[in-house]
C-alpha atoms as a PDB file:
ATOM      1  CA  MET A   1      -4.092 -21.381 -19.736  1.00  0.00           C
ATOM      2  CA  ASN A   2      -4.163 -24.735 -17.955  1.00  0.00           C
ATOM      3  CA  LEU A   3      -6.651 -27.157 -19.474  1.00  0.00           C
ATOM      4  CA  ASN A   4      -7.891 -30.251 -17.742  1.00  0.00           C
ATOM      5  CA  TYR A   5      -7.619 -32.708 -20.638  1.00  0.00           C
ATOM      6  CA  ASP A   6      -9.247 -35.598 -18.764  1.00  0.00           C
ATOM      7  CA  LYS A   7     -12.343 -33.544 -18.018  1.00  0.00           C
ATOM      8  CA  ASP A   8     -12.490 -32.238 -21.585  1.00  0.00           C
ATOM      9  CA  GLY A   9     -12.123 -35.760 -22.970  1.00  0.00           C
ATOM     10  CA  LEU A  10     -14.913 -37.072 -20.791  1.00  0.00           C
ATOM     11  CA  THR A  11     -17.166 -34.186 -21.818  1.00  0.00           C
ATOM     12  CA  TYR A  12     -16.541 -34.817 -25.520  1.00  0.00           C
ATOM     13  CA  ALA A  13     -17.064 -38.553 -25.078  1.00  0.00           C
ATOM     14  CA  VAL A  14     -20.423 -38.023 -23.356  1.00  0.00           C
ATOM     15  CA  LEU A  15     -21.535 -35.507 -25.993  1.00  0.00           C
ATOM     16  CA  SER A  16     -20.587 -37.811 -28.854  1.00  0.00           C
ATOM     17  CA  TYR A  17     -22.423 -40.701 -27.193  1.00  0.00           C
ATOM     18  CA  LEU A  18     -25.539 -38.549 -26.815  1.00  0.00           C
ATOM     19  CA  MET A  19     -25.287 -37.480 -30.443  1.00  0.00           C
ATOM     20  CA  TRP A  20     -25.198 -41.118 -31.566  1.00  0.00           C
ATOM     21  CA  GLU A  21     -28.143 -41.882 -29.275  1.00  0.00           C
ATOM     22  CA  LEU A  22     -30.218 -39.113 -30.861  1.00  0.00           C
ATOM     23  CA  THR A  23     -29.384 -40.008 -34.471  1.00  0.00           C
ATOM     24  CA  PRO A  24     -32.177 -42.627 -34.847  1.00  0.00           C
ATOM     25  CA  ILE A  25     -34.724 -40.086 -33.635  1.00  0.00           C
ATOM     26  CA  TYR A  26     -33.513 -37.631 -36.286  1.00  0.00           C
ATOM     27  CA  TRP A  27     -33.826 -40.216 -39.069  1.00  0.00           C
ATOM     28  CA  LYS A  28     -37.290 -41.174 -37.823  1.00  0.00           C
ATOM     29  CA  LEU A  29     -38.369 -37.516 -38.081  1.00  0.00           C
ATOM     30  CA  VAL A  30     -37.096 -37.085 -41.654  1.00  0.00           C
ATOM     31  CA  HIS A  31     -38.212 -40.441 -43.064  1.00  0.00           C
ATOM     32  CA  HIS A  32     -40.566 -38.703 -45.500  1.00  0.00           C
ATOM     33  CA  VAL A  33     -37.756 -36.721 -47.151  1.00  0.00           C
ATOM     34  CA  ALA A  34     -36.119 -38.281 -50.214  1.00  0.00           C
ATOM     35  CA  PRO A  35     -32.473 -39.358 -49.733  1.00  0.00           C
ATOM     36  CA  GLY A  36     -31.427 -37.325 -52.785  1.00  0.00           C
ATOM     37  CA  GLU A  37     -32.866 -34.183 -51.250  1.00  0.00           C
ATOM     38  CA  ILE A  38     -31.028 -34.785 -47.977  1.00  0.00           C
ATOM     39  CA  LEU A  39     -27.789 -35.304 -49.892  1.00  0.00           C
ATOM     40  CA  ALA A  40     -28.359 -32.154 -51.954  1.00  0.00           C
ATOM     41  CA  GLN A  41     -29.012 -30.109 -48.810  1.00  0.00           C
ATOM     42  CA  ARG A  42     -25.872 -31.437 -47.142  1.00  0.00           C
ATOM     43  CA  VAL A  43     -23.730 -30.643 -50.198  1.00  0.00           C
ATOM     44  CA  PHE A  44     -25.232 -27.158 -50.572  1.00  0.00           C
ATOM     45  CA  TRP A  45     -24.865 -26.155 -46.922  1.00  0.00           C
ATOM     46  CA  SER A  46     -21.371 -27.638 -46.702  1.00  0.00           C
ATOM     47  CA  PHE A  47     -20.380 -25.529 -49.697  1.00  0.00           C
ATOM     48  CA  ILE A  48     -21.838 -22.386 -48.121  1.00  0.00           C
ATOM     49  CA  LEU A  49     -20.066 -23.146 -44.831  1.00  0.00           C
ATOM     50  CA  CYS A  50     -16.752 -23.715 -46.633  1.00  0.00           C
ATOM     51  CA  LEU A  51     -17.136 -20.384 -48.433  1.00  0.00           C
ATOM     52  CA  PHE A  52     -17.827 -18.691 -45.112  1.00  0.00           C
ATOM     53  CA  PHE A  53     -14.677 -20.097 -43.470  1.00  0.00           C
ATOM     54  CA  TYR A  54     -12.465 -19.640 -46.529  1.00  0.00           C
END
């Protein structure tokens, strides 16, 4: 399989830039949620995901 690394790199760079551009919108939408609850959700779902891939 011959991959075009330049094209893949550009695609990933554009996607990461878009993700960083959308981050403030995400935080604006969840401003009413307590930071502790966000942290708890992230820990819980990360644990579940790790169990799934283990």
